[in-house]
Amino acid sequence: MTSIQLCPCGSGQTYRRCCRPFHKGTAAPTPEILMRSRYSAFVLGLTSYLKDSWHNSTRPSDLTLTDNPQWLKLEVLAAAMTDHTGTVHFKAHYQEGGAMGCLEERSNFVREHGRWYYVDGEIL
C-alpha cells in the first residue's frame, strides 16, 4: 500500500497520516484508534502488529491470516474509555467466497504502561 492511498480504517485520511504510525510503533492514544489500526492490520496482513497490540493474557500463541476474508469497510458504532479500560462497538464488512458478511463485535481494551491493548471481544 502506498502512503498516499486512503487508510483502510475508513477515517478518510491517508494511510501514512492515519494507521501507519501505529503500525510502525507509535502508541495509539485511544481504544478506538487502536481498534481502527488493528482493522487496517487485518486488511494489510500485518500479523506482527496484531500480536503486539493484543494483551498478553489473551494473545494467541500463533496467529495466521491464511483464512482472512477480504475486508471491505469498517463502521465504528460506539466507543468509550476510562483511564485504563475501553470498549469499541463496531461492524466490519467483508467478502468471502463470493458472499458478503458482517462481523459485529464489542471489543474490550486495557491500557498498561501507556499503551492500549486489545483484550477480547463479544461477537454480537
PDB file of N, CA and C in Angstrom:
ATOM      1  N   MET A   1       0.846  -1.177   0.000  1.00  0.00           N
ATOM      2  CA  MET A   1       0.000   0.000   0.000  1.00  0.00           C
ATOM      3  C   MET A   1       0.891   1.240   0.000  1.00  0.00           C
ATOM      4  N   THR A   2       0.576   2.170  -0.862  1.00  0.00           N
ATOM      5  CA  THR A   2       1.345   3.411  -0.886  1.00  0.00           C
ATOM      6  C   THR A   2       0.819   4.344   0.189  1.00  0.00           C
ATOM      7  N   SER A   3       1.666   5.256   0.622  1.00  0.00           N
ATOM      8  CA  SER A   3       1.306   6.153   1.716  1.00  0.00           C
ATOM      9  C   SER A   3       0.280   7.198   1.314  1.00  0.00           C
ATOM     10  N   ILE A   4       0.003   7.356  -0.009  1.00  0.00           N
ATOM     11  CA  ILE A   4      -0.983   8.350  -0.425  1.00  0.00           C
ATOM     12  C   ILE A   4      -2.383   7.761  -0.556  1.00  0.00           C
ATOM     13  N   GLN A   5      -2.528   6.454  -0.446  1.00  0.00           N
ATOM     14  CA  GLN A   5      -3.844   5.827  -0.508  1.00  0.00           C
ATOM     15  C   GLN A   5      -4.606   6.081   0.781  1.00  0.00           C
ATOM     16  N   LEU A   6      -5.936   6.077   0.678  1.00  0.00           N
ATOM     17  CA  LEU A   6      -6.756   6.249   1.869  1.00  0.00           C
ATOM     18  C   LEU A   6      -6.566   5.070   2.811  1.00  0.00           C
ATOM     19  N   CYS A   7      -6.633   5.350   4.084  1.00  0.00           N
ATOM     20  CA  CYS A   7      -6.434   4.318   5.102  1.00  0.00           C
ATOM     21  C   CYS A   7      -7.603   3.329   5.080  1.00  0.00           C
ATOM     22  N   PRO A   8      -7.313   2.031   5.204  1.00  0.00           N
ATOM     23  CA  PRO A   8      -8.377   1.023   5.217  1.00  0.00           C
ATOM     24  C   PRO A   8      -9.378   1.198   6.357  1.00  0.00           C
ATOM     25  N   CYS A   9      -9.011   1.892   7.434  1.00  0.00           N
ATOM     26  CA  CYS A   9      -9.893   2.001   8.596  1.00  0.00           C
ATOM     27  C   CYS A   9     -11.094   2.900   8.357  1.00  0.00           C
ATOM     28  N   GLY A  10     -11.119   3.616   7.234  1.00  0.00           N
ATOM     29  CA  GLY A  10     -12.272   4.440   6.913  1.00  0.00           C
ATOM     30  C   GLY A  10     -12.263   5.826   7.512  1.00  0.00           C
ATOM     31  N   SER A  11     -11.132   6.270   8.019  1.00  0.00           N
ATOM     32  CA  SER A  11     -11.060   7.599   8.633  1.00  0.00           C
ATOM     33  C   SER A  11     -11.155   8.729   7.619  1.00  0.00           C
ATOM     34  N   GLY A  12     -10.880   8.426   6.362  1.00  0.00           N
ATOM     35  CA  GLY A  12     -10.844   9.463   5.334  1.00  0.00           C
ATOM     36  C   GLY A  12      -9.470  10.084   5.161  1.00  0.00           C
ATOM     37  N   GLN A  13      -8.524   9.718   6.027  1.00  0.00           N
ATOM     38  CA  GLN A  13      -7.156  10.210   5.937  1.00  0.00           C
ATOM     39  C   GLN A  13      -6.311   9.243   5.113  1.00  0.00           C
ATOM     40  N   THR A  14      -5.146   9.700   4.705  1.00  0.00           N
ATOM     41  CA  THR A  14      -4.225   8.798   4.025  1.00  0.00           C
ATOM     42  C   THR A  14      -3.679   7.797   5.040  1.00  0.00           C
ATOM     43  N   TYR A  15      -3.289   6.641   4.542  1.00  0.00           N
ATOM     44  CA  TYR A  15      -2.697   5.613   5.399  1.00  0.00           C
ATOM     45  C   TYR A  15      -1.475   6.170   6.131  1.00  0.00           C
ATOM     46  N   ARG A  16      -0.646   6.927   5.425  1.00  0.00           N
ATOM     47  CA  ARG A  16       0.569   7.486   6.028  1.00  0.00           C
ATOM     48  C   ARG A  16       0.266   8.351   7.248  1.00  0.00           C
ATOM     49  N   ARG A  17      -0.819   9.110   7.198  1.00  0.00           N
ATOM     50  CA  ARG A  17      -1.158  10.017   8.294  1.00  0.00           C
ATOM     51  C   ARG A  17      -2.056   9.371   9.336  1.00  0.00           C
ATOM     52  N   CYS A  18      -2.613   8.207   9.029  1.00  0.00           N
ATOM     53  CA  CYS A  18      -3.581   7.586   9.931  1.00  0.00           C
ATOM     54  C   CYS A  18      -2.974   6.389  10.668  1.00  0.00           C
ATOM     55  N   CYS A  19      -3.111   5.201  10.135  1.00  0.00           N
ATOM     56  CA  CYS A  19      -2.714   3.980  10.849  1.00  0.00           C
ATOM     57  C   CYS A  19      -1.240   3.613  10.725  1.00  0.00           C
ATOM     58  N   ARG A  20      -0.565   4.076   9.701  1.00  0.00           N
ATOM     59  CA  ARG A  20       0.838   3.694   9.505  1.00  0.00           C
ATOM     60  C   ARG A  20       1.730   4.016  10.716  1.00  0.00           C
ATOM     61  N   PRO A  21       1.608   5.198  11.334  1.00  0.00           N
ATOM     62  CA  PRO A  21       2.463   5.457  12.501  1.00  0.00           C
ATOM     63  C   PRO A  21       2.285   4.425  13.621  1.00  0.00           C
ATOM     64  N   PHE A  22       1.071   3.938  13.813  1.00  0.00           N
ATOM     65  CA  PHE A  22       0.826   2.927  14.853  1.00  0.00           C
ATOM     66  C   PHE A  22       1.420   1.593  14.430  1.00  0.00           C
ATOM     67  N   HIS A  23       1.317   1.276  13.159  1.00  0.00           N
ATOM     68  CA  HIS A  23       1.928   0.041  12.660  1.00  0.00           C
ATOM     69  C   HIS A  23       3.448   0.088  12.769  1.00  0.00           C
ATOM     70  N   LYS A  24       4.009   1.294  12.800  1.00  0.00           N
ATOM     71  CA  LYS A  24       5.467   1.467  12.917  1.00  0.00           C
ATOM     72  C   LYS A  24       5.927   1.633  14.365  1.00  0.00           C
ATOM     73  N   GLY A  25       4.997   1.616  15.348  1.00  0.00           N
ATOM     74  CA  GLY A  25       5.416   1.626  16.745  1.00  0.00           C
ATOM     75  C   GLY A  25       4.872   2.728  17.629  1.00  0.00           C
ATOM     76  N   THR A  26       4.253   3.757  17.067  1.00  0.00           N
ATOM     77  CA  THR A  26       3.652   4.812  17.884  1.00  0.00           C
ATOM     78  C   THR A  26       2.476   4.232  18.661  1.00  0.00           C
ATOM     79  N   ALA A  27       2.351   4.590  19.931  1.00  0.00           N
ATOM     80  CA  ALA A  27       1.245   4.099  20.760  1.00  0.00           C
ATOM     81  C   ALA A  27      -0.053   4.784  20.360  1.00  0.00           C
ATOM     82  N   ALA A  28      -1.112   4.001  20.159  1.00  0.00           N
ATOM     83  CA  ALA A  28      -2.433   4.552  19.847  1.00  0.00           C
ATOM     84  C   ALA A  28      -2.965   5.279  21.085  1.00  0.00           C
ATOM     85  N   PRO A  29      -3.486   6.498  20.920  1.00  0.00           N
ATOM     86  CA  PRO A  29      -3.913   7.280  22.086  1.00  0.00           C
ATOM     87  C   PRO A  29      -5.259   6.878  22.675  1.00  0.00           C
ATOM     88  N   THR A  30      -6.086   6.130  21.936  1.00  0.00           N
ATOM     89  CA  THR A  30      -7.399   5.713  22.435  1.00  0.00           C
ATOM     90  C   THR A  30      -7.691   4.283  21.980  1.00  0.00           C
ATOM     91  N   PRO A  31      -8.635   3.606  22.662  1.00  0.00           N
ATOM     92  CA  PRO A  31      -9.033   2.276  22.206  1.00  0.00           C
ATOM     93  C   PRO A  31      -9.605   2.297  20.788  1.00  0.00           C
ATOM     94  N   GLU A  32     -10.377   3.327  20.445  1.00  0.00           N
ATOM     95  CA  GLU A  32     -10.939   3.388  19.092  1.00  0.00           C
ATOM     96  C   GLU A  32      -9.843   3.460  18.038  1.00  0.00           C
ATOM     97  N   ILE A  33      -8.845   4.275  18.269  1.00  0.00           N
ATOM     98  CA  ILE A  33      -7.752   4.383  17.300  1.00  0.00           C
ATOM     99  C   ILE A  33      -6.973   3.074  17.220  1.00  0.00           C
ATOM    100  N   LEU A  34      -6.776   2.415  18.360  1.00  0.00           N
ATOM    101  CA  LEU A  34      -6.110   1.107  18.326  1.00  0.00           C
ATOM    102  C   LEU A  34      -6.950   0.109  17.529  1.00  0.00           C
ATOM    103  N   MET A  35      -8.266   0.096  17.758  1.00  0.00           N
ATOM    104  CA  MET A  35      -9.120  -0.836  17.033  1.00  0.00           C
ATOM    105  C   MET A  35      -9.073  -0.542  15.540  1.00  0.00           C
ATOM    106  N   ARG A  36      -9.103   0.728  15.147  1.00  0.00           N
ATOM    107  CA  ARG A  36      -9.021   1.087  13.731  1.00  0.00           C
ATOM    108  C   ARG A  36      -7.688   0.603  13.135  1.00  0.00           C
ATOM    109  N   SER A  37      -6.608   0.784  13.891  1.00  0.00           N
ATOM    110  CA  SER A  37      -5.300   0.352  13.383  1.00  0.00           C
ATOM    111  C   SER A  37      -5.220  -1.170  13.296  1.00  0.00           C
ATOM    112  N   ARG A  38      -5.903  -1.863  14.191  1.00  0.00           N
ATOM    113  CA  ARG A  38      -5.937  -3.323  14.124  1.00  0.00           C
ATOM    114  C   ARG A  38      -6.756  -3.785  12.919  1.00  0.00           C
ATOM    115  N   TYR A  39      -7.871  -3.114  12.638  1.00  0.00           N
ATOM    116  CA  TYR A  39      -8.650  -3.438  11.443  1.00  0.00           C
ATOM    117  C   TYR A  39      -7.765  -3.271  10.203  1.00  0.00           C
ATOM    118  N   SER A  40      -7.064  -2.141  10.124  1.00  0.00           N
ATOM    119  CA  SER A  40      -6.164  -1.911   8.986  1.00  0.00           C
ATOM    120  C   SER A  40      -5.095  -2.988   8.903  1.00  0.00           C
ATOM    121  N   ALA A  41      -4.610  -3.444  10.051  1.00  0.00           N
ATOM    122  CA  ALA A  41      -3.604  -4.510  10.064  1.00  0.00           C
ATOM    123  C   ALA A  41      -4.182  -5.816   9.523  1.00  0.00           C
ATOM    124  N   PHE A  42      -5.449  -6.104   9.831  1.00  0.00           N
ATOM    125  CA  PHE A  42      -6.090  -7.284   9.243  1.00  0.00           C
ATOM    126  C   PHE A  42      -6.175  -7.131   7.728  1.00  0.00           C
ATOM    127  N   VAL A  43      -6.572  -5.950   7.261  1.00  0.00           N
ATOM    128  CA  VAL A  43      -6.676  -5.701   5.820  1.00  0.00           C
ATOM    129  C   VAL A  43      -5.324  -5.899   5.145  1.00  0.00           C
ATOM    130  N   LEU A  44      -4.261  -5.398   5.785  1.00  0.00           N
ATOM    131  CA  LEU A  44      -2.922  -5.413   5.192  1.00  0.00           C
ATOM    132  C   LEU A  44      -2.112  -6.666   5.529  1.00  0.00           C
ATOM    133  N   GLY A  45      -2.651  -7.547   6.369  1.00  0.00           N
ATOM    134  CA  GLY A  45      -1.950  -8.784   6.717  1.00  0.00           C
ATOM    135  C   GLY A  45      -0.768  -8.586   7.648  1.00  0.00           C
ATOM    136  N   LEU A  46      -0.853  -7.621   8.554  1.00  0.00           N
ATOM    137  CA  LEU A  46       0.256  -7.304   9.466  1.00  0.00           C
ATOM    138  C   LEU A  46       0.127  -8.106  10.764  1.00  0.00           C
ATOM    139  N   THR A  47       0.471  -9.385  10.705  1.00  0.00           N
ATOM    140  CA  THR A  47       0.303 -10.259  11.870  1.00  0.00           C
ATOM    141  C   THR A  47       1.152  -9.828  13.063  1.00  0.00           C
ATOM    142  N   SER A  48       2.348  -9.332  12.825  1.00  0.00           N
ATOM    143  CA  SER A  48       3.203  -8.901  13.946  1.00  0.00           C
ATOM    144  C   SER A  48       2.541  -7.783  14.740  1.00  0.00           C
ATOM    145  N   TYR A  49       1.950  -6.819  14.039  1.00  0.00           N
ATOM    146  CA  TYR A  49       1.277  -5.718  14.727  1.00  0.00           C
ATOM    147  C   TYR A  49       0.069  -6.233  15.502  1.00  0.00           C
ATOM    148  N   LEU A  50      -0.685  -7.132  14.904  1.00  0.00           N
ATOM    149  CA  LEU A  50      -1.853  -7.678  15.594  1.00  0.00           C
ATOM    150  C   LEU A  50      -1.434  -8.372  16.886  1.00  0.00           C
ATOM    151  N   LYS A  51      -0.383  -9.166  16.836  1.00  0.00           N
ATOM    152  CA  LYS A  51       0.093  -9.845  18.046  1.00  0.00           C
ATOM    153  C   LYS A  51       0.625  -8.851  19.076  1.00  0.00           C
ATOM    154  N   ASP A  52       1.379  -7.850  18.615  1.00  0.00           N
ATOM    155  CA  ASP A  52       1.951  -6.869  19.536  1.00  0.00           C
ATOM    156  C   ASP A  52       0.883  -6.019  20.224  1.00  0.00           C
ATOM    157  N   SER A  53      -0.254  -5.801  19.557  1.00  0.00           N
ATOM    158  CA  SER A  53      -1.308  -4.962  20.123  1.00  0.00           C
ATOM    159  C   SER A  53      -2.371  -5.779  20.864  1.00  0.00           C
ATOM    160  N   TRP A  54      -2.142  -7.078  21.001  1.00  0.00           N
ATOM    161  CA  TRP A  54      -3.051  -7.992  21.699  1.00  0.00           C
ATOM    162  C   TRP A  54      -2.517  -8.192  23.106  1.00  0.00           C
ATOM    163  N   HIS A  55      -3.346  -8.038  24.111  1.00  0.00           N
ATOM    164  CA  HIS A  55      -2.897  -8.195  25.501  1.00  0.00           C
ATOM    165  C   HIS A  55      -2.345  -9.595  25.716  1.00  0.00           C
ATOM    166  N   ASN A  56      -1.245  -9.671  26.461  1.00  0.00           N
ATOM    167  CA  ASN A  56      -0.575 -10.965  26.632  1.00  0.00           C
ATOM    168  C   ASN A  56      -1.421 -12.007  27.371  1.00  0.00           C
ATOM    169  N   SER A  57      -2.454 -11.581  28.101  1.00  0.00           N
ATOM    170  CA  SER A  57      -3.300 -12.544  28.817  1.00  0.00           C
ATOM    171  C   SER A  57      -4.246 -13.301  27.885  1.00  0.00           C
ATOM    172  N   THR A  58      -4.491 -12.766  26.692  1.00  0.00           N
ATOM    173  CA  THR A  58      -5.425 -13.410  25.764  1.00  0.00           C
ATOM    174  C   THR A  58      -4.833 -13.602  24.363  1.00  0.00           C
ATOM    175  N   ARG A  59      -3.602 -13.187  24.162  1.00  0.00           N
ATOM    176  CA  ARG A  59      -2.952 -13.278  22.838  1.00  0.00           C
ATOM    177  C   ARG A  59      -2.771 -14.736  22.441  1.00  0.00           C
ATOM    178  N   PRO A  60      -3.188 -15.096  21.222  1.00  0.00           N
ATOM    179  CA  PRO A  60      -2.946 -16.469  20.771  1.00  0.00           C
ATOM    180  C   PRO A  60      -1.459 -16.710  20.552  1.00  0.00           C
ATOM    181  N   SER A  61      -1.025 -17.932  20.773  1.00  0.00           N
ATOM    182  CA  SER A  61       0.396 -18.237  20.595  1.00  0.00           C
ATOM    183  C   SER A  61       0.794 -18.204  19.127  1.00  0.00           C
ATOM    184  N   ASP A  62      -0.167 -18.512  18.257  1.00  0.00           N
ATOM    185  CA  ASP A  62       0.105 -18.487  16.825  1.00  0.00           C
ATOM    186  C   ASP A  62      -1.035 -17.750  16.144  1.00  0.00           C
ATOM    187  N   LEU A  63      -0.699 -16.862  15.260  1.00  0.00           N
ATOM    188  CA  LEU A  63      -1.711 -16.098  14.543  1.00  0.00           C
ATOM    189  C   LEU A  63      -1.366 -16.108  13.068  1.00  0.00           C
ATOM    190  N   THR A  64      -2.249 -16.696  12.282  1.00  0.00           N
ATOM    191  CA  THR A  64      -2.074 -16.676  10.837  1.00  0.00           C
ATOM    192  C   THR A  64      -3.324 -16.052  10.227  1.00  0.00           C
ATOM    193  N   LEU A  65      -3.153 -15.431   9.097  1.00  0.00           N
ATOM    194  CA  LEU A  65      -4.277 -14.796   8.420  1.00  0.00           C
ATOM    195  C   LEU A  65      -4.585 -15.494   7.098  1.00  0.00           C
ATOM    196  N   THR A  66      -4.279 -16.781   7.028  1.00  0.00           N
ATOM    197  CA  THR A  66      -4.495 -17.516   5.780  1.00  0.00           C
ATOM    198  C   THR A  66      -5.976 -17.612   5.420  1.00  0.00           C
ATOM    199  N   ASP A  67      -6.858 -17.637   6.401  1.00  0.00           N
ATOM    200  CA  ASP A  67      -8.299 -17.703   6.148  1.00  0.00           C
ATOM    201  C   ASP A  67      -8.956 -16.331   6.257  1.00  0.00           C
ATOM    202  N   ASN A  68      -8.167 -15.282   6.233  1.00  0.00           N
ATOM    203  CA  ASN A  68      -8.663 -13.920   6.372  1.00  0.00           C
ATOM    204  C   ASN A  68      -9.555 -13.569   5.180  1.00  0.00           C
ATOM    205  N   PRO A  69     -10.795 -13.110   5.429  1.00  0.00           N
ATOM    206  CA  PRO A  69     -11.633 -12.696   4.302  1.00  0.00           C
ATOM    207  C   PRO A  69     -11.133 -11.373   3.711  1.00  0.00           C
ATOM    208  N   GLN A  70     -11.763 -10.927   2.651  1.00  0.00           N
ATOM    209  CA  GLN A  70     -11.443  -9.616   2.091  1.00  0.00           C
ATOM    210  C   GLN A  70     -12.275  -8.588   2.857  1.00  0.00           C
ATOM    211  N   TRP A  71     -11.595  -7.798   3.686  1.00  0.00           N
ATOM    212  CA  TRP A  71     -12.270  -6.780   4.490  1.00  0.00           C
ATOM    213  C   TRP A  71     -12.605  -5.592   3.603  1.00  0.00           C
ATOM    214  N   LEU A  72     -13.845  -5.113   3.700  1.00  0.00           N
ATOM    215  CA  LEU A  72     -14.337  -4.088   2.798  1.00  0.00           C
ATOM    216  C   LEU A  72     -14.577  -2.728   3.459  1.00  0.00           C
ATOM    217  N   LYS A  73     -15.083  -2.742   4.693  1.00  0.00           N
ATOM    218  CA  LYS A  73     -15.489  -1.476   5.314  1.00  0.00           C
ATOM    219  C   LYS A  73     -15.590  -1.650   6.821  1.00  0.00           C
ATOM    220  N   LEU A  74     -15.216  -0.602   7.533  1.00  0.00           N
ATOM    221  CA  LEU A  74     -15.324  -0.578   8.989  1.00  0.00           C
ATOM    222  C   LEU A  74     -16.305   0.512   9.393  1.00  0.00           C
ATOM    223  N   GLU A  75     -17.199   0.172  10.315  1.00  0.00           N
ATOM    224  CA  GLU A  75     -18.119   1.149  10.907  1.00  0.00           C
ATOM    225  C   GLU A  75     -17.932   1.114  12.419  1.00  0.00           C
ATOM    226  N   VAL A  76     -17.546   2.230  13.009  1.00  0.00           N
ATOM    227  CA  VAL A  76     -17.467   2.323  14.458  1.00  0.00           C
ATOM    228  C   VAL A  76     -18.815   2.850  14.943  1.00  0.00           C
ATOM    229  N   LEU A  77     -19.499   2.059  15.761  1.00  0.00           N
ATOM    230  CA  LEU A  77     -20.836   2.411  16.243  1.00  0.00           C
ATOM    231  C   LEU A  77     -20.799   3.145  17.569  1.00  0.00           C
ATOM    232  N   ALA A  78     -19.830   2.807  18.425  1.00  0.00           N
ATOM    233  CA  ALA A  78     -19.697   3.455  19.734  1.00  0.00           C
ATOM    234  C   ALA A  78     -18.309   3.169  20.281  1.00  0.00           C
ATOM    235  N   ALA A  79     -17.828   4.095  21.085  1.00  0.00           N
ATOM    236  CA  ALA A  79     -16.536   3.912  21.756  1.00  0.00           C
ATOM    237  C   ALA A  79     -16.593   4.635  23.100  1.00  0.00           C
ATOM    238  N   ALA A  80     -15.981   4.012  24.105  1.00  0.00           N
ATOM    239  CA  ALA A  80     -15.941   4.602  25.446  1.00  0.00           C
ATOM    240  C   ALA A  80     -14.630   4.209  26.095  1.00  0.00           C
ATOM    241  N   MET A  81     -14.163   5.068  27.011  1.00  0.00           N
ATOM    242  CA  MET A  81     -12.926   4.741  27.724  1.00  0.00           C
ATOM    243  C   MET A  81     -12.879   5.432  29.070  1.00  0.00           C
ATOM    244  N   THR A  82     -12.146   4.796  29.983  1.00  0.00           N
ATOM    245  CA  THR A  82     -11.763   5.403  31.248  1.00  0.00           C
ATOM    246  C   THR A  82     -10.244   5.540  31.190  1.00  0.00           C
ATOM    247  N   ASP A  83      -9.610   5.772  32.314  1.00  0.00           N
ATOM    248  CA  ASP A  83      -8.146   5.901  32.302  1.00  0.00           C
ATOM    249  C   ASP A  83      -7.444   4.620  31.851  1.00  0.00           C
ATOM    250  N   HIS A  84      -8.020   3.456  32.196  1.00  0.00           N
ATOM    251  CA  HIS A  84      -7.304   2.203  31.946  1.00  0.00           C
ATOM    252  C   HIS A  84      -8.092   1.135  31.203  1.00  0.00           C
ATOM    253  N   THR A  85      -9.361   1.380  30.875  1.00  0.00           N
ATOM    254  CA  THR A  85     -10.153   0.412  30.132  1.00  0.00           C
ATOM    255  C   THR A  85     -10.940   1.119  29.034  1.00  0.00           C
ATOM    256  N   GLY A  86     -11.337   0.355  28.042  1.00  0.00           N
ATOM    257  CA  GLY A  86     -12.137   0.931  26.972  1.00  0.00           C
ATOM    258  C   GLY A  86     -12.906  -0.136  26.234  1.00  0.00           C
ATOM    259  N   THR A  87     -13.930   0.292  25.522  1.00  0.00           N
ATOM    260  CA  THR A  87     -14.708  -0.595  24.672  1.00  0.00           C
ATOM    261  C   THR A  87     -14.951   0.096  23.330  1.00  0.00           C
ATOM    262  N   VAL A  88     -15.059  -0.709  22.303  1.00  0.00           N
ATOM    263  CA  VAL A  88     -15.400  -0.215  20.967  1.00  0.00           C
ATOM    264  C   VAL A  88     -16.390  -1.195  20.354  1.00  0.00           C
ATOM    265  N   HIS A  89     -17.523  -0.665  19.935  1.00  0.00           N
ATOM    266  CA  HIS A  89     -18.550  -1.458  19.262  1.00  0.00           C
ATOM    267  C   HIS A  89     -18.437  -1.126  17.779  1.00  0.00           C
ATOM    268  N   PHE A  90     -18.237  -2.144  16.950  1.00  0.00           N
ATOM    269  CA  PHE A  90     -18.027  -1.896  15.531  1.00  0.00           C
ATOM    270  C   PHE A  90     -18.658  -2.984  14.672  1.00  0.00           C
ATOM    271  N   LYS A  91     -18.781  -2.646  13.392  1.00  0.00           N
ATOM    272  CA  LYS A  91     -19.155  -3.619  12.363  1.00  0.00           C
ATOM    273  C   LYS A  91     -18.050  -3.602  11.317  1.00  0.00           C
ATOM    274  N   ALA A  92     -17.583  -4.787  10.956  1.00  0.00           N
ATOM    275  CA  ALA A  92     -16.574  -4.930   9.906  1.00  0.00           C
ATOM    276  C   ALA A  92     -17.198  -5.758   8.782  1.00  0.00           C
ATOM    277  N   HIS A  93     -17.338  -5.140   7.629  1.00  0.00           N
ATOM    278  CA  HIS A  93     -17.958  -5.795   6.481  1.00  0.00           C
ATOM    279  C   HIS A  93     -16.878  -6.487   5.650  1.00  0.00           C
ATOM    280  N   TYR A  94     -17.218  -7.653   5.126  1.00  0.00           N
ATOM    281  CA  TYR A  94     -16.237  -8.436   4.371  1.00  0.00           C
ATOM    282  C   TYR A  94     -16.903  -9.222   3.260  1.00  0.00           C
ATOM    283  N   GLN A  95     -16.054  -9.744   2.391  1.00  0.00           N
ATOM    284  CA  GLN A  95     -16.485 -10.653   1.340  1.00  0.00           C
ATOM    285  C   GLN A  95     -15.640 -11.914   1.458  1.00  0.00           C
ATOM    286  N   GLU A  96     -16.311 -13.057   1.364  1.00  0.00           N
ATOM    287  CA  GLU A  96     -15.602 -14.331   1.466  1.00  0.00           C
ATOM    288  C   GLU A  96     -16.313 -15.352   0.583  1.00  0.00           C
ATOM    289  N   GLY A  97     -15.559 -15.918  -0.344  1.00  0.00           N
ATOM    290  CA  GLY A  97     -16.129 -16.917  -1.229  1.00  0.00           C
ATOM    291  C   GLY A  97     -17.319 -16.417  -2.030  1.00  0.00           C
ATOM    292  N   GLY A  98     -17.297 -15.169  -2.410  1.00  0.00           N
ATOM    293  CA  GLY A  98     -18.381 -14.595  -3.186  1.00  0.00           C
ATOM    294  C   GLY A  98     -19.567 -14.113  -2.373  1.00  0.00           C
ATOM    295  N   ALA A  99     -19.578 -14.385  -1.075  1.00  0.00           N
ATOM    296  CA  ALA A  99     -20.683 -13.948  -0.213  1.00  0.00           C
ATOM    297  C   ALA A  99     -20.238 -12.770   0.648  1.00  0.00           C
ATOM    298  N   MET A 100     -21.175 -11.872   0.887  1.00  0.00           N
ATOM    299  CA  MET A 100     -20.913 -10.721   1.754  1.00  0.00           C
ATOM    300  C   MET A 100     -21.261 -11.106   3.195  1.00  0.00           C
ATOM    301  N   GLY A 101     -20.527 -10.523   4.149  1.00  0.00           N
ATOM    302  CA  GLY A 101     -20.799 -10.780   5.552  1.00  0.00           C
ATOM    303  C   GLY A 101     -20.465  -9.572   6.396  1.00  0.00           C
ATOM    304  N   CYS A 102     -20.824  -9.666   7.666  1.00  0.00           N
ATOM    305  CA  CYS A 102     -20.561  -8.575   8.603  1.00  0.00           C
ATOM    306  C   CYS A 102     -20.231  -9.163   9.964  1.00  0.00           C
ATOM    307  N   LEU A 103     -19.120  -8.741  10.517  1.00  0.00           N
ATOM    308  CA  LEU A 103     -18.736  -9.113  11.872  1.00  0.00           C
ATOM    309  C   LEU A 103     -19.075  -7.929  12.765  1.00  0.00           C
ATOM    310  N   GLU A 104     -19.951  -8.138  13.745  1.00  0.00           N
ATOM    311  CA  GLU A 104     -20.265  -7.090  14.713  1.00  0.00           C
ATOM    312  C   GLU A 104     -19.708  -7.526  16.065  1.00  0.00           C
ATOM    313  N   GLU A 105     -18.923  -6.660  16.668  1.00  0.00           N
ATOM    314  CA  GLU A 105     -18.237  -7.022  17.912  1.00  0.00           C
ATOM    315  C   GLU A 105     -18.181  -5.835  18.857  1.00  0.00           C
ATOM    316  N   ARG A 106     -18.225  -6.136  20.137  1.00  0.00           N
ATOM    317  CA  ARG A 106     -17.934  -5.160  21.189  1.00  0.00           C
ATOM    318  C   ARG A 106     -16.605  -5.594  21.783  1.00  0.00           C
ATOM    319  N   SER A 107     -15.563  -4.842  21.481  1.00  0.00           N
ATOM    320  CA  SER A 107     -14.200  -5.191  21.884  1.00  0.00           C
ATOM    321  C   SER A 107     -13.826  -4.512  23.191  1.00  0.00           C
ATOM    322  N   ASN A 108     -13.019  -5.198  23.984  1.00  0.00           N
ATOM    323  CA  ASN A 108     -12.527  -4.684  25.256  1.00  0.00           C
ATOM    324  C   ASN A 108     -11.030  -4.412  25.165  1.00  0.00           C
ATOM    325  N   PHE A 109     -10.618  -3.293  25.749  1.00  0.00           N
ATOM    326  CA  PHE A 109      -9.233  -2.850  25.708  1.00  0.00           C
ATOM    327  C   PHE A 109      -8.774  -2.480  27.112  1.00  0.00           C
ATOM    328  N   VAL A 110      -7.476  -2.565  27.318  1.00  0.00           N
ATOM    329  CA  VAL A 110      -6.879  -2.166  28.582  1.00  0.00           C
ATOM    330  C   VAL A 110      -5.618  -1.367  28.276  1.00  0.00           C
ATOM    331  N   ARG A 111      -5.330  -0.382  29.135  1.00  0.00           N
ATOM    332  CA  ARG A 111      -4.107   0.403  28.961  1.00  0.00           C
ATOM    333  C   ARG A 111      -3.123   0.029  30.060  1.00  0.00           C
ATOM    334  N   GLU A 112      -1.926  -0.335  29.627  1.00  0.00           N
ATOM    335  CA  GLU A 112      -0.835  -0.676  30.547  1.00  0.00           C
ATOM    336  C   GLU A 112       0.431   0.014  30.081  1.00  0.00           C
ATOM    337  N   HIS A 113       1.131   0.637  31.008  1.00  0.00           N
ATOM    338  CA  HIS A 113       2.403   1.296  30.709  1.00  0.00           C
ATOM    339  C   HIS A 113       2.276   2.267  29.532  1.00  0.00           C
ATOM    340  N   GLY A 114       1.137   2.979  29.474  1.00  0.00           N
ATOM    341  CA  GLY A 114       0.932   3.992  28.447  1.00  0.00           C
ATOM    342  C   GLY A 114       0.501   3.477  27.089  1.00  0.00           C
ATOM    343  N   ARG A 115       0.239   2.182  26.963  1.00  0.00           N
ATOM    344  CA  ARG A 115      -0.185   1.613  25.671  1.00  0.00           C
ATOM    345  C   ARG A 115      -1.518   0.901  25.834  1.00  0.00           C
ATOM    346  N   TRP A 116      -2.376   1.032  24.835  1.00  0.00           N
ATOM    347  CA  TRP A 116      -3.637   0.306  24.790  1.00  0.00           C
ATOM    348  C   TRP A 116      -3.421  -1.056  24.142  1.00  0.00           C
ATOM    349  N   TYR A 117      -4.146  -2.061  24.656  1.00  0.00           N
ATOM    350  CA  TYR A 117      -4.088  -3.416  24.123  1.00  0.00           C
ATOM    351  C   TYR A 117      -5.502  -3.967  23.961  1.00  0.00           C
ATOM    352  N   TYR A 118      -5.703  -4.718  22.884  1.00  0.00           N
ATOM    353  CA  TYR A 118      -6.952  -5.447  22.695  1.00  0.00           C
ATOM    354  C   TYR A 118      -6.935  -6.640  23.659  1.00  0.00           C
ATOM    355  N   VAL A 119      -8.032  -6.828  24.406  1.00  0.00           N
ATOM    356  CA  VAL A 119      -8.127  -7.955  25.332  1.00  0.00           C
ATOM    357  C   VAL A 119      -8.999  -9.062  24.746  1.00  0.00           C
ATOM    358  N   ASP A 120     -10.241  -8.737  24.446  1.00  0.00           N
ATOM    359  CA  ASP A 120     -11.161  -9.718  23.873  1.00  0.00           C
ATOM    360  C   ASP A 120     -12.375  -8.989  23.314  1.00  0.00           C
ATOM    361  N   GLY A 121     -13.268  -9.776  22.742  1.00  0.00           N
ATOM    362  CA  GLY A 121     -14.454  -9.176  22.166  1.00  0.00           C
ATOM    363  C   GLY A 121     -15.641 -10.111  22.246  1.00  0.00           C
ATOM    364  N   GLU A 122     -16.805  -9.493  22.278  1.00  0.00           N
ATOM    365  CA  GLU A 122     -18.059 -10.240  22.277  1.00  0.00           C
ATOM    366  C   GLU A 122     -18.685 -10.075  20.896  1.00  0.00           C
ATOM    367  N   ILE A 123     -18.847 -11.203  20.193  1.00  0.00           N
ATOM    368  CA  ILE A 123     -19.482 -11.182  18.877  1.00  0.00           C
ATOM    369  C   ILE A 123     -20.981 -10.970  19.108  1.00  0.00           C
ATOM    370  N   LEU A 124     -21.527  -9.994  18.423  1.00  0.00           N
ATOM    371  CA  LEU A 124     -22.955  -9.665  18.595  1.00  0.00           C
ATOM    372  C   LEU A 124     -23.778 -10.160  17.415  1.00  0.00           C
TER     373      LEU A 124
END
